[in-house]
């Protein structure tokens, strides 16, 4: 869960611009197409034209199915059951996949992302470092601070200055600032891709 006092600090624009590349293995498509169908399942309305390309996710829905979906996720009891924004976003994604009249099997791997977030939150109190290199140089780094089972801070190694060149150096600085030894995920970009591929299978 994300704490209400959540803060994001020292997010270097160059490093953060690489987030899309880091998250790319999480998805198997480049775009989504929403295609409305009639009672027989035939497409009746489609803004972009249905694509058969492997990197396109097609979400088919009936008018009644989509109407039922929005009616449910906008109900006050549904919203009250998911007070945290990350929990709500995950819930509406799962609801989309489980509503009669909507076929969304090609959506991005929301459950996998949620599992990774749950692993971080399960620390209860601690810090996590994700350090990714490309050709032995820092490519992407992110620090997660968890307190009371909630994510309170997202930052980068830049909070410790520009001379941090390795995960070990960053870890030493984190130990001085946060309680306990941080959990460290240290990958090359190629290793990171293989790690996510293994998680998917």
N, C-alpha and C. Protein backbone atom coordinates (compact mmCIF):
# COMPACT_ATOMS: atom_id res chain seq x y z
N UNK A 1 0.83 -1.19 0.00
CA UNK A 1 0.00 0.00 0.00
C UNK A 1 0.88 1.26 0.00
N UNK A 2 0.35 2.33 -0.53
CA UNK A 2 1.06 3.61 -0.55
C UNK A 2 0.53 4.48 0.59
N UNK A 3 1.44 5.00 1.40
CA UNK A 3 1.05 5.84 2.53
C UNK A 3 0.52 7.18 2.04
N UNK A 4 -0.38 7.76 2.82
CA UNK A 4 -0.97 9.05 2.43
C UNK A 4 0.07 10.18 2.42
N UNK A 5 1.15 10.01 3.20
CA UNK A 5 2.20 11.03 3.24
C UNK A 5 3.35 10.68 2.30
N UNK A 6 3.09 9.84 1.32
CA UNK A 6 4.09 9.40 0.34
C UNK A 6 4.83 10.58 -0.29
N UNK A 7 6.16 10.42 -0.43
CA UNK A 7 6.98 11.47 -1.04
C UNK A 7 7.85 10.88 -2.15
N UNK A 8 8.11 11.67 -3.17
CA UNK A 8 9.02 11.30 -4.26
C UNK A 8 10.09 12.38 -4.36
N UNK A 9 11.35 11.97 -4.22
CA UNK A 9 12.44 12.95 -4.14
C UNK A 9 13.61 12.53 -5.03
N UNK A 10 14.37 13.51 -5.50
CA UNK A 10 15.60 13.30 -6.26
C UNK A 10 15.37 12.38 -7.47
N UNK A 11 14.30 12.64 -8.19
CA UNK A 11 14.01 11.83 -9.37
C UNK A 11 14.66 12.49 -10.59
N UNK A 12 15.89 12.12 -10.84
CA UNK A 12 16.64 12.71 -11.94
C UNK A 12 15.91 12.46 -13.26
N UNK A 13 15.66 13.51 -14.05
CA UNK A 13 14.90 13.35 -15.30
C UNK A 13 15.51 12.33 -16.26
N UNK A 14 16.84 12.30 -16.38
CA UNK A 14 17.48 11.37 -17.29
C UNK A 14 17.27 9.94 -16.84
N UNK A 15 17.51 9.68 -15.55
CA UNK A 15 17.32 8.33 -15.02
C UNK A 15 15.86 7.92 -15.12
N UNK A 16 14.96 8.83 -14.75
CA UNK A 16 13.54 8.49 -14.71
C UNK A 16 12.95 8.32 -16.10
N UNK A 17 13.58 8.93 -17.11
CA UNK A 17 13.10 8.77 -18.48
C UNK A 17 13.31 7.33 -18.97
N UNK A 18 14.13 6.56 -18.26
CA UNK A 18 14.38 5.17 -18.63
C UNK A 18 13.40 4.19 -18.00
N UNK A 19 12.45 4.71 -17.24
CA UNK A 19 11.49 3.84 -16.56
C UNK A 19 10.69 3.01 -17.55
N UNK A 20 10.32 3.60 -18.69
CA UNK A 20 9.56 2.86 -19.70
C UNK A 20 10.33 1.64 -20.18
N UNK A 21 11.65 1.81 -20.39
CA UNK A 21 12.48 0.68 -20.83
C UNK A 21 12.56 -0.39 -19.74
N UNK A 22 12.64 0.03 -18.49
CA UNK A 22 12.74 -0.93 -17.38
C UNK A 22 11.44 -1.73 -17.25
N UNK A 23 10.30 -1.07 -17.46
CA UNK A 23 9.01 -1.73 -17.30
C UNK A 23 8.53 -2.44 -18.56
N UNK A 24 9.24 -2.26 -19.67
CA UNK A 24 8.78 -2.82 -20.94
C UNK A 24 8.51 -4.32 -20.88
N UNK A 25 9.36 -5.13 -20.22
CA UNK A 25 9.07 -6.58 -20.19
C UNK A 25 7.79 -6.94 -19.46
N UNK A 26 7.22 -6.01 -18.68
CA UNK A 26 5.99 -6.31 -17.97
C UNK A 26 4.79 -6.44 -18.90
N UNK A 27 4.90 -5.94 -20.10
CA UNK A 27 3.74 -5.93 -20.99
C UNK A 27 4.07 -6.64 -22.29
N UNK A 28 3.06 -7.09 -22.98
CA UNK A 28 3.27 -7.80 -24.24
C UNK A 28 2.54 -7.10 -25.39
N UNK A 29 2.33 -5.81 -25.27
CA UNK A 29 1.66 -5.08 -26.33
C UNK A 29 2.14 -3.63 -26.35
N UNK A 30 1.93 -2.98 -27.47
CA UNK A 30 2.30 -1.58 -27.61
C UNK A 30 1.11 -0.65 -27.48
N UNK A 31 -0.10 -1.15 -27.73
CA UNK A 31 -1.28 -0.31 -27.61
C UNK A 31 -2.50 -1.19 -27.33
N UNK A 32 -3.57 -0.55 -26.89
CA UNK A 32 -4.83 -1.24 -26.64
C UNK A 32 -5.87 -0.74 -27.63
N UNK A 33 -6.74 -1.63 -28.07
CA UNK A 33 -7.86 -1.26 -28.92
C UNK A 33 -9.13 -1.75 -28.23
N UNK A 34 -10.10 -0.85 -28.04
CA UNK A 34 -11.38 -1.20 -27.46
C UNK A 34 -12.38 -1.40 -28.60
N UNK A 35 -12.95 -2.58 -28.70
CA UNK A 35 -13.87 -2.90 -29.79
C UNK A 35 -15.22 -3.30 -29.22
N UNK A 36 -16.27 -2.53 -29.56
CA UNK A 36 -17.61 -2.82 -29.08
C UNK A 36 -18.24 -3.92 -29.94
N UNK A 37 -18.93 -4.88 -29.28
CA UNK A 37 -19.54 -5.99 -30.00
C UNK A 37 -21.04 -6.03 -29.76
N UNK A 38 -21.76 -6.68 -30.69
CA UNK A 38 -23.20 -6.86 -30.51
C UNK A 38 -23.46 -8.18 -29.78
N UNK A 39 -24.74 -8.56 -29.66
CA UNK A 39 -25.10 -9.76 -28.91
C UNK A 39 -24.48 -11.02 -29.49
N UNK A 40 -24.20 -11.01 -30.78
CA UNK A 40 -23.61 -12.18 -31.44
C UNK A 40 -22.08 -12.18 -31.37
N UNK A 41 -21.52 -11.12 -30.78
CA UNK A 41 -20.07 -11.04 -30.68
C UNK A 41 -19.39 -10.37 -31.83
N UNK A 42 -20.17 -9.81 -32.76
CA UNK A 42 -19.60 -9.12 -33.91
C UNK A 42 -19.25 -7.68 -33.55
N UNK A 43 -18.11 -7.21 -34.04
CA UNK A 43 -17.66 -5.84 -33.75
C UNK A 43 -18.57 -4.83 -34.44
N UNK A 44 -19.09 -3.87 -33.68
CA UNK A 44 -19.98 -2.85 -34.24
C UNK A 44 -19.38 -1.46 -34.21
N UNK A 45 -18.40 -1.24 -33.32
CA UNK A 45 -17.80 0.10 -33.22
C UNK A 45 -16.36 -0.06 -32.77
N UNK A 46 -15.47 0.65 -33.42
CA UNK A 46 -14.05 0.46 -33.18
C UNK A 46 -13.32 1.72 -33.66
N UNK A 47 -12.73 2.49 -32.75
CA UNK A 47 -12.16 3.78 -33.11
C UNK A 47 -10.97 3.67 -34.04
N UNK A 48 -10.09 2.68 -33.82
CA UNK A 48 -8.84 2.63 -34.58
C UNK A 48 -8.82 1.55 -35.64
N UNK A 49 -9.76 0.62 -35.61
CA UNK A 49 -9.69 -0.52 -36.51
C UNK A 49 -8.95 -1.64 -35.83
N UNK A 50 -9.53 -2.82 -35.82
CA UNK A 50 -8.93 -3.93 -35.09
C UNK A 50 -7.63 -4.37 -35.74
N UNK A 51 -6.62 -4.57 -34.93
CA UNK A 51 -5.32 -5.00 -35.43
C UNK A 51 -5.05 -6.44 -35.02
N UNK A 52 -4.41 -7.18 -35.88
CA UNK A 52 -4.04 -8.56 -35.56
C UNK A 52 -2.57 -8.66 -35.15
N UNK A 53 -1.89 -7.52 -35.04
CA UNK A 53 -0.48 -7.52 -34.69
C UNK A 53 -0.27 -8.12 -33.31
N UNK A 54 0.85 -8.80 -33.10
CA UNK A 54 1.13 -9.46 -31.82
C UNK A 54 1.24 -8.45 -30.69
N UNK A 55 1.67 -7.24 -30.98
CA UNK A 55 1.92 -6.27 -29.92
C UNK A 55 0.72 -5.37 -29.65
N UNK A 56 -0.48 -5.82 -30.05
CA UNK A 56 -1.69 -5.04 -29.81
C UNK A 56 -2.66 -5.84 -28.95
N UNK A 57 -3.14 -5.21 -27.87
CA UNK A 57 -4.13 -5.84 -27.01
C UNK A 57 -5.52 -5.39 -27.44
N UNK A 58 -6.40 -6.33 -27.73
CA UNK A 58 -7.76 -6.01 -28.13
C UNK A 58 -8.70 -6.33 -26.98
N UNK A 59 -9.42 -5.33 -26.49
CA UNK A 59 -10.40 -5.51 -25.43
C UNK A 59 -11.78 -5.44 -26.06
N UNK A 60 -12.47 -6.57 -26.12
CA UNK A 60 -13.80 -6.61 -26.69
C UNK A 60 -14.83 -6.45 -25.58
N UNK A 61 -15.86 -5.67 -25.85
CA UNK A 61 -16.87 -5.44 -24.82
C UNK A 61 -18.24 -5.22 -25.46
N UNK A 62 -19.26 -5.62 -24.72
CA UNK A 62 -20.63 -5.28 -25.12
C UNK A 62 -21.02 -4.01 -24.38
N UNK A 63 -22.01 -3.30 -24.90
CA UNK A 63 -22.47 -2.08 -24.23
C UNK A 63 -22.95 -2.39 -22.81
N UNK A 64 -23.72 -3.48 -22.66
CA UNK A 64 -24.22 -3.84 -21.34
C UNK A 64 -23.10 -4.23 -20.39
N UNK A 65 -22.09 -4.92 -20.93
CA UNK A 65 -20.95 -5.32 -20.10
C UNK A 65 -20.19 -4.12 -19.57
N UNK A 66 -19.92 -3.13 -20.45
CA UNK A 66 -19.19 -1.94 -20.02
C UNK A 66 -20.03 -1.10 -19.07
N UNK A 67 -21.34 -1.03 -19.31
CA UNK A 67 -22.24 -0.30 -18.43
C UNK A 67 -22.23 -0.92 -17.04
N UNK A 68 -22.28 -2.24 -16.97
CA UNK A 68 -22.25 -2.95 -15.69
C UNK A 68 -20.93 -2.70 -14.96
N UNK A 69 -19.84 -2.69 -15.72
CA UNK A 69 -18.51 -2.47 -15.14
C UNK A 69 -18.43 -1.10 -14.47
N UNK A 70 -18.82 -0.05 -15.18
CA UNK A 70 -18.73 1.29 -14.62
C UNK A 70 -19.69 1.50 -13.45
N UNK A 71 -20.85 0.88 -13.53
CA UNK A 71 -21.79 0.99 -12.42
C UNK A 71 -21.20 0.39 -11.15
N UNK A 72 -20.46 -0.70 -11.29
CA UNK A 72 -19.89 -1.34 -10.10
C UNK A 72 -18.73 -0.55 -9.52
N UNK A 73 -17.78 -0.12 -10.37
CA UNK A 73 -16.59 0.53 -9.82
C UNK A 73 -16.88 1.95 -9.31
N UNK A 74 -18.06 2.49 -9.67
CA UNK A 74 -18.42 3.83 -9.19
C UNK A 74 -19.31 3.78 -7.95
N UNK A 75 -19.68 2.57 -7.50
CA UNK A 75 -20.50 2.46 -6.30
C UNK A 75 -19.69 2.84 -5.07
N UNK A 76 -20.32 3.48 -4.11
CA UNK A 76 -19.62 3.95 -2.93
C UNK A 76 -19.06 2.81 -2.10
N UNK A 77 -19.77 1.67 -2.04
CA UNK A 77 -19.25 0.55 -1.25
C UNK A 77 -17.99 -0.04 -1.89
N UNK A 78 -17.92 -0.03 -3.24
CA UNK A 78 -16.72 -0.51 -3.94
C UNK A 78 -15.55 0.42 -3.66
N UNK A 79 -15.79 1.72 -3.75
CA UNK A 79 -14.74 2.71 -3.49
C UNK A 79 -14.29 2.63 -2.03
N UNK A 80 -15.23 2.49 -1.10
CA UNK A 80 -14.90 2.43 0.32
C UNK A 80 -14.08 1.19 0.66
N UNK A 81 -14.28 0.11 -0.10
CA UNK A 81 -13.54 -1.12 0.15
C UNK A 81 -12.10 -1.04 -0.32
N UNK A 82 -11.78 -0.01 -1.12
CA UNK A 82 -10.42 0.16 -1.65
C UNK A 82 -9.99 1.61 -1.45
N UNK A 83 -9.70 2.00 -0.21
CA UNK A 83 -9.42 3.41 0.10
C UNK A 83 -8.08 3.92 -0.42
N UNK A 84 -7.11 3.02 -0.60
CA UNK A 84 -5.80 3.43 -1.10
C UNK A 84 -5.83 3.43 -2.63
N UNK A 85 -5.19 4.43 -3.25
CA UNK A 85 -5.27 4.61 -4.69
C UNK A 85 -4.70 3.42 -5.45
N UNK A 86 -3.58 2.84 -4.97
CA UNK A 86 -2.99 1.70 -5.68
C UNK A 86 -3.88 0.48 -5.59
N UNK A 87 -4.54 0.31 -4.43
CA UNK A 87 -5.47 -0.80 -4.25
C UNK A 87 -6.68 -0.62 -5.16
N UNK A 88 -7.17 0.60 -5.29
CA UNK A 88 -8.33 0.88 -6.13
C UNK A 88 -8.00 0.62 -7.61
N UNK A 89 -6.83 1.08 -8.06
CA UNK A 89 -6.45 0.88 -9.46
C UNK A 89 -6.31 -0.61 -9.77
N UNK A 90 -5.74 -1.37 -8.83
CA UNK A 90 -5.62 -2.81 -9.03
C UNK A 90 -6.99 -3.46 -9.07
N UNK A 91 -7.90 -3.01 -8.19
CA UNK A 91 -9.24 -3.59 -8.11
C UNK A 91 -10.04 -3.34 -9.38
N UNK A 92 -9.96 -2.13 -9.95
CA UNK A 92 -10.74 -1.86 -11.16
C UNK A 92 -10.17 -2.60 -12.36
N UNK A 93 -8.86 -2.85 -12.34
CA UNK A 93 -8.25 -3.64 -13.40
C UNK A 93 -8.74 -5.08 -13.34
N UNK A 94 -8.75 -5.65 -12.14
CA UNK A 94 -9.23 -7.01 -11.96
C UNK A 94 -10.73 -7.11 -12.28
N UNK A 95 -11.48 -6.07 -11.95
CA UNK A 95 -12.91 -6.07 -12.22
C UNK A 95 -13.17 -6.06 -13.72
N UNK A 96 -12.33 -5.35 -14.46
CA UNK A 96 -12.46 -5.31 -15.92
C UNK A 96 -12.30 -6.70 -16.50
N UNK A 97 -11.33 -7.45 -15.95
CA UNK A 97 -11.06 -8.80 -16.45
C UNK A 97 -12.15 -9.79 -16.04
N UNK A 98 -12.93 -9.46 -14.99
CA UNK A 98 -13.90 -10.41 -14.48
C UNK A 98 -15.35 -10.06 -14.75
N UNK A 99 -15.61 -9.05 -15.56
CA UNK A 99 -16.99 -8.63 -15.84
C UNK A 99 -17.54 -9.35 -17.07
N UNK A 100 -18.75 -9.92 -16.92
CA UNK A 100 -19.41 -10.58 -18.06
C UNK A 100 -19.64 -9.57 -19.17
N UNK A 101 -19.33 -9.98 -20.38
CA UNK A 101 -19.51 -9.08 -21.52
C UNK A 101 -18.26 -8.31 -21.88
N UNK A 102 -17.15 -8.54 -21.14
CA UNK A 102 -15.87 -7.89 -21.44
C UNK A 102 -14.80 -8.97 -21.55
N UNK A 103 -14.07 -8.96 -22.64
CA UNK A 103 -12.95 -9.88 -22.84
C UNK A 103 -11.67 -9.06 -22.87
N UNK A 104 -10.85 -9.21 -21.81
CA UNK A 104 -9.64 -8.38 -21.69
C UNK A 104 -8.43 -9.23 -21.35
N UNK A 105 -8.33 -10.40 -21.95
CA UNK A 105 -7.26 -11.34 -21.59
C UNK A 105 -5.88 -10.85 -22.00
N UNK A 106 -5.80 -9.88 -22.92
CA UNK A 106 -4.50 -9.41 -23.39
C UNK A 106 -3.98 -8.19 -22.64
N UNK A 107 -4.66 -7.81 -21.54
CA UNK A 107 -4.20 -6.63 -20.80
C UNK A 107 -2.82 -6.86 -20.21
N UNK A 108 -2.13 -5.75 -19.86
CA UNK A 108 -0.80 -5.85 -19.26
C UNK A 108 -0.85 -6.64 -17.97
N UNK A 109 0.26 -7.13 -17.51
CA UNK A 109 0.32 -8.06 -16.38
C UNK A 109 0.17 -7.34 -15.05
N UNK A 110 -1.03 -6.83 -14.80
CA UNK A 110 -1.28 -6.08 -13.57
C UNK A 110 -1.02 -6.94 -12.33
N UNK A 111 -1.39 -8.21 -12.40
CA UNK A 111 -1.22 -9.06 -11.22
C UNK A 111 0.26 -9.26 -10.89
N UNK A 112 1.09 -9.34 -11.93
CA UNK A 112 2.52 -9.50 -11.69
C UNK A 112 3.09 -8.26 -11.03
N UNK A 113 2.70 -7.08 -11.52
CA UNK A 113 3.17 -5.83 -10.92
C UNK A 113 2.70 -5.74 -9.48
N UNK A 114 1.44 -6.11 -9.24
CA UNK A 114 0.91 -6.04 -7.88
C UNK A 114 1.68 -6.97 -6.95
N UNK A 115 2.09 -8.15 -7.45
CA UNK A 115 2.84 -9.09 -6.62
C UNK A 115 4.19 -8.51 -6.22
N UNK A 116 4.83 -7.82 -7.17
CA UNK A 116 6.12 -7.19 -6.86
C UNK A 116 5.93 -6.11 -5.79
N UNK A 117 4.86 -5.31 -5.91
CA UNK A 117 4.59 -4.27 -4.91
C UNK A 117 4.28 -4.89 -3.56
N UNK A 118 3.56 -6.00 -3.56
CA UNK A 118 3.22 -6.67 -2.30
C UNK A 118 4.48 -7.19 -1.61
N UNK A 119 5.46 -7.66 -2.39
CA UNK A 119 6.71 -8.14 -1.81
C UNK A 119 7.45 -7.01 -1.12
N UNK A 120 7.43 -5.82 -1.72
CA UNK A 120 8.07 -4.66 -1.09
C UNK A 120 7.34 -4.28 0.18
N UNK A 121 6.00 -4.24 0.10
CA UNK A 121 5.21 -3.84 1.27
C UNK A 121 5.32 -4.84 2.41
N UNK A 122 5.61 -6.11 2.08
CA UNK A 122 5.68 -7.14 3.13
C UNK A 122 6.87 -6.94 4.05
N UNK A 123 7.77 -6.04 3.69
CA UNK A 123 8.92 -5.77 4.56
C UNK A 123 8.49 -5.20 5.91
N UNK A 124 7.36 -4.53 5.93
CA UNK A 124 6.81 -3.88 7.12
C UNK A 124 7.61 -2.64 7.48
N UNK A 125 8.94 -2.77 7.57
CA UNK A 125 9.77 -1.60 7.87
C UNK A 125 11.17 -1.85 7.31
N UNK A 126 11.55 -1.07 6.30
CA UNK A 126 12.85 -1.28 5.69
C UNK A 126 13.00 -0.48 4.42
N UNK A 127 14.01 -0.82 3.64
CA UNK A 127 14.28 -0.11 2.39
C UNK A 127 14.72 -1.10 1.32
N UNK A 128 14.38 -0.78 0.08
CA UNK A 128 14.71 -1.64 -1.05
C UNK A 128 15.43 -0.80 -2.10
N UNK A 129 16.49 -1.36 -2.65
CA UNK A 129 17.22 -0.70 -3.73
C UNK A 129 17.13 -1.53 -4.99
N UNK A 130 16.63 -0.93 -6.06
CA UNK A 130 16.67 -1.55 -7.39
C UNK A 130 17.75 -0.83 -8.18
N UNK A 131 18.79 -1.57 -8.54
CA UNK A 131 19.95 -0.99 -9.23
C UNK A 131 20.17 -1.75 -10.54
N UNK A 132 20.06 -1.06 -11.66
CA UNK A 132 20.21 -1.67 -12.97
C UNK A 132 21.33 -0.97 -13.73
N UNK A 133 22.24 -1.76 -14.30
CA UNK A 133 23.36 -1.20 -15.05
C UNK A 133 23.25 -1.58 -16.52
N UNK A 134 23.89 -0.80 -17.35
CA UNK A 134 24.01 -1.08 -18.78
C UNK A 134 25.47 -0.90 -19.15
N UNK A 135 26.10 -1.99 -19.59
CA UNK A 135 27.54 -1.99 -19.88
C UNK A 135 28.33 -1.50 -18.67
N UNK A 136 27.95 -2.01 -17.49
CA UNK A 136 28.61 -1.75 -16.21
C UNK A 136 28.47 -0.32 -15.70
N UNK A 137 27.65 0.49 -16.36
CA UNK A 137 27.40 1.86 -15.90
C UNK A 137 25.98 1.96 -15.34
N UNK A 138 25.77 2.80 -14.31
CA UNK A 138 24.41 2.95 -13.76
C UNK A 138 23.44 3.36 -14.86
N UNK A 139 22.33 2.62 -14.97
CA UNK A 139 21.32 2.90 -15.98
C UNK A 139 20.02 3.38 -15.32
N UNK A 140 19.59 2.64 -14.30
CA UNK A 140 18.37 3.01 -13.58
C UNK A 140 18.53 2.58 -12.13
N UNK A 141 18.15 3.47 -11.21
CA UNK A 141 18.21 3.11 -9.79
C UNK A 141 17.03 3.75 -9.08
N UNK A 142 16.47 2.99 -8.16
CA UNK A 142 15.30 3.46 -7.43
C UNK A 142 15.34 2.90 -6.01
N UNK A 143 15.02 3.75 -5.05
CA UNK A 143 15.01 3.37 -3.64
C UNK A 143 13.57 3.46 -3.13
N UNK A 144 13.11 2.39 -2.50
CA UNK A 144 11.78 2.35 -1.90
C UNK A 144 11.92 2.29 -0.38
N UNK A 145 11.25 3.19 0.32
CA UNK A 145 11.24 3.19 1.79
C UNK A 145 9.86 2.73 2.26
N UNK A 146 9.86 1.69 3.10
CA UNK A 146 8.62 1.13 3.61
C UNK A 146 8.58 1.30 5.12
N UNK A 147 7.47 1.83 5.62
CA UNK A 147 7.27 1.99 7.05
C UNK A 147 5.86 1.54 7.41
N UNK A 148 5.78 0.65 8.39
CA UNK A 148 4.47 0.15 8.79
C UNK A 148 3.74 -0.57 7.67
N UNK A 149 4.50 -1.22 6.77
CA UNK A 149 3.88 -1.94 5.67
C UNK A 149 3.39 -1.07 4.54
N UNK A 150 3.73 0.24 4.58
CA UNK A 150 3.27 1.15 3.53
C UNK A 150 4.46 1.86 2.89
N UNK A 151 4.35 2.07 1.59
CA UNK A 151 5.39 2.76 0.85
C UNK A 151 5.33 4.25 1.18
N UNK A 152 6.39 4.79 1.78
CA UNK A 152 6.38 6.19 2.20
C UNK A 152 7.30 7.06 1.35
N UNK A 153 8.25 6.45 0.65
CA UNK A 153 9.22 7.25 -0.10
C UNK A 153 9.72 6.49 -1.32
N UNK A 154 9.78 7.18 -2.45
CA UNK A 154 10.47 6.70 -3.64
C UNK A 154 11.50 7.75 -4.01
N UNK A 155 12.74 7.31 -4.15
CA UNK A 155 13.81 8.25 -4.47
C UNK A 155 14.87 7.51 -5.28
N UNK A 156 15.99 8.16 -5.53
CA UNK A 156 17.08 7.54 -6.29
C UNK A 156 18.40 7.75 -5.57
N UNK A 157 19.44 7.15 -6.10
CA UNK A 157 20.77 7.29 -5.51
C UNK A 157 21.28 8.72 -5.58
N UNK A 158 20.65 9.56 -6.37
CA UNK A 158 21.07 10.95 -6.50
C UNK A 158 20.93 11.71 -5.19
N UNK A 159 20.14 11.20 -4.24
CA UNK A 159 20.02 11.86 -2.94
C UNK A 159 21.35 11.83 -2.17
N UNK A 160 22.26 10.94 -2.61
CA UNK A 160 23.56 10.82 -1.94
C UNK A 160 24.69 11.46 -2.75
N UNK A 161 24.34 12.23 -3.77
CA UNK A 161 25.36 12.91 -4.56
C UNK A 161 25.62 12.21 -5.88
N UNK A 162 26.46 12.80 -6.68
CA UNK A 162 26.72 12.30 -8.03
C UNK A 162 27.84 11.28 -8.11
N UNK A 163 28.46 10.95 -6.99
CA UNK A 163 29.61 10.04 -7.02
C UNK A 163 29.26 8.60 -6.71
N UNK A 164 27.97 8.27 -6.62
CA UNK A 164 27.55 6.90 -6.36
C UNK A 164 27.57 6.13 -7.67
N UNK A 165 28.50 5.16 -7.78
CA UNK A 165 28.69 4.45 -9.05
C UNK A 165 28.31 2.98 -8.97
N UNK A 166 28.12 2.45 -7.75
CA UNK A 166 27.79 1.03 -7.60
C UNK A 166 26.66 0.84 -6.60
N UNK A 167 26.03 -0.32 -6.68
CA UNK A 167 24.97 -0.65 -5.72
C UNK A 167 25.52 -0.72 -4.31
N UNK A 168 26.76 -1.20 -4.16
CA UNK A 168 27.37 -1.30 -2.83
C UNK A 168 27.53 0.08 -2.19
N UNK A 169 27.98 1.06 -2.97
CA UNK A 169 28.14 2.42 -2.44
C UNK A 169 26.79 2.99 -2.02
N UNK A 170 25.77 2.76 -2.84
CA UNK A 170 24.44 3.27 -2.51
C UNK A 170 23.90 2.57 -1.27
N UNK A 171 24.15 1.28 -1.15
CA UNK A 171 23.68 0.51 0.00
C UNK A 171 24.30 1.03 1.29
N UNK A 172 25.58 1.38 1.26
CA UNK A 172 26.26 1.92 2.44
C UNK A 172 25.61 3.22 2.89
N UNK A 173 25.27 4.07 1.94
CA UNK A 173 24.61 5.33 2.28
C UNK A 173 23.21 5.09 2.84
N UNK A 174 22.52 4.12 2.28
CA UNK A 174 21.18 3.80 2.76
C UNK A 174 21.21 3.27 4.19
N UNK A 175 22.23 2.48 4.52
CA UNK A 175 22.34 1.95 5.87
C UNK A 175 22.54 3.05 6.90
N UNK A 176 23.21 4.12 6.49
CA UNK A 176 23.40 5.25 7.40
C UNK A 176 22.10 6.04 7.60
N UNK A 177 21.24 6.04 6.59
CA UNK A 177 20.00 6.82 6.66
C UNK A 177 18.81 6.03 7.20
N UNK A 178 18.71 4.76 6.78
CA UNK A 178 17.55 3.95 7.14
C UNK A 178 17.93 2.85 8.13
N UNK A 179 16.96 2.35 8.85
CA UNK A 179 17.19 1.28 9.81
C UNK A 179 17.37 -0.06 9.11
N UNK A 180 18.39 -0.82 9.54
CA UNK A 180 18.60 -2.16 8.98
C UNK A 180 19.28 -2.15 7.63
N UNK A 181 19.67 -3.36 7.19
CA UNK A 181 20.33 -3.48 5.90
C UNK A 181 19.29 -3.52 4.79
N UNK A 182 19.46 -2.71 3.75
CA UNK A 182 18.47 -2.67 2.66
C UNK A 182 18.43 -3.99 1.88
N UNK A 183 17.28 -4.27 1.30
CA UNK A 183 17.15 -5.37 0.34
C UNK A 183 17.61 -4.83 -1.01
N UNK A 184 18.55 -5.52 -1.64
CA UNK A 184 19.17 -5.00 -2.87
C UNK A 184 18.89 -5.93 -4.05
N UNK A 185 18.37 -5.36 -5.13
CA UNK A 185 18.21 -6.06 -6.40
C UNK A 185 19.20 -5.40 -7.38
N UNK A 186 20.26 -6.12 -7.71
CA UNK A 186 21.34 -5.58 -8.54
C UNK A 186 21.40 -6.40 -9.83
N UNK A 187 21.04 -5.78 -10.95
CA UNK A 187 20.98 -6.47 -12.24
C UNK A 187 21.65 -5.64 -13.32
N UNK A 188 22.15 -6.33 -14.33
CA UNK A 188 22.41 -5.65 -15.60
C UNK A 188 21.08 -5.58 -16.32
N UNK A 189 20.98 -4.76 -17.35
CA UNK A 189 19.73 -4.62 -18.09
C UNK A 189 19.30 -5.97 -18.69
N UNK A 190 20.27 -6.73 -19.18
CA UNK A 190 19.96 -8.04 -19.77
C UNK A 190 19.47 -9.01 -18.69
N UNK A 191 20.13 -8.98 -17.52
CA UNK A 191 19.70 -9.85 -16.42
C UNK A 191 18.31 -9.48 -15.94
N UNK A 192 18.00 -8.19 -15.92
CA UNK A 192 16.68 -7.73 -15.51
C UNK A 192 15.59 -8.28 -16.43
N UNK A 193 15.83 -8.22 -17.74
CA UNK A 193 14.87 -8.75 -18.70
C UNK A 193 14.66 -10.25 -18.47
N UNK A 194 15.75 -10.98 -18.24
CA UNK A 194 15.63 -12.42 -18.00
C UNK A 194 14.90 -12.71 -16.70
N UNK A 195 15.13 -11.88 -15.69
CA UNK A 195 14.46 -12.04 -14.39
C UNK A 195 12.94 -11.90 -14.56
N UNK A 196 12.51 -10.91 -15.32
CA UNK A 196 11.08 -10.70 -15.52
C UNK A 196 10.49 -11.80 -16.39
N UNK A 197 11.25 -12.28 -17.38
CA UNK A 197 10.76 -13.37 -18.21
C UNK A 197 10.54 -14.62 -17.36
N UNK A 198 11.45 -14.87 -16.41
CA UNK A 198 11.31 -16.03 -15.52
C UNK A 198 10.10 -15.88 -14.62
N UNK A 199 9.82 -14.64 -14.15
CA UNK A 199 8.67 -14.40 -13.30
C UNK A 199 7.37 -14.66 -14.04
N UNK A 200 7.37 -14.40 -15.36
CA UNK A 200 6.14 -14.53 -16.13
C UNK A 200 5.79 -16.00 -16.38
N UNK A 201 6.79 -16.87 -16.38
CA UNK A 201 6.57 -18.28 -16.72
C UNK A 201 6.31 -19.13 -15.49
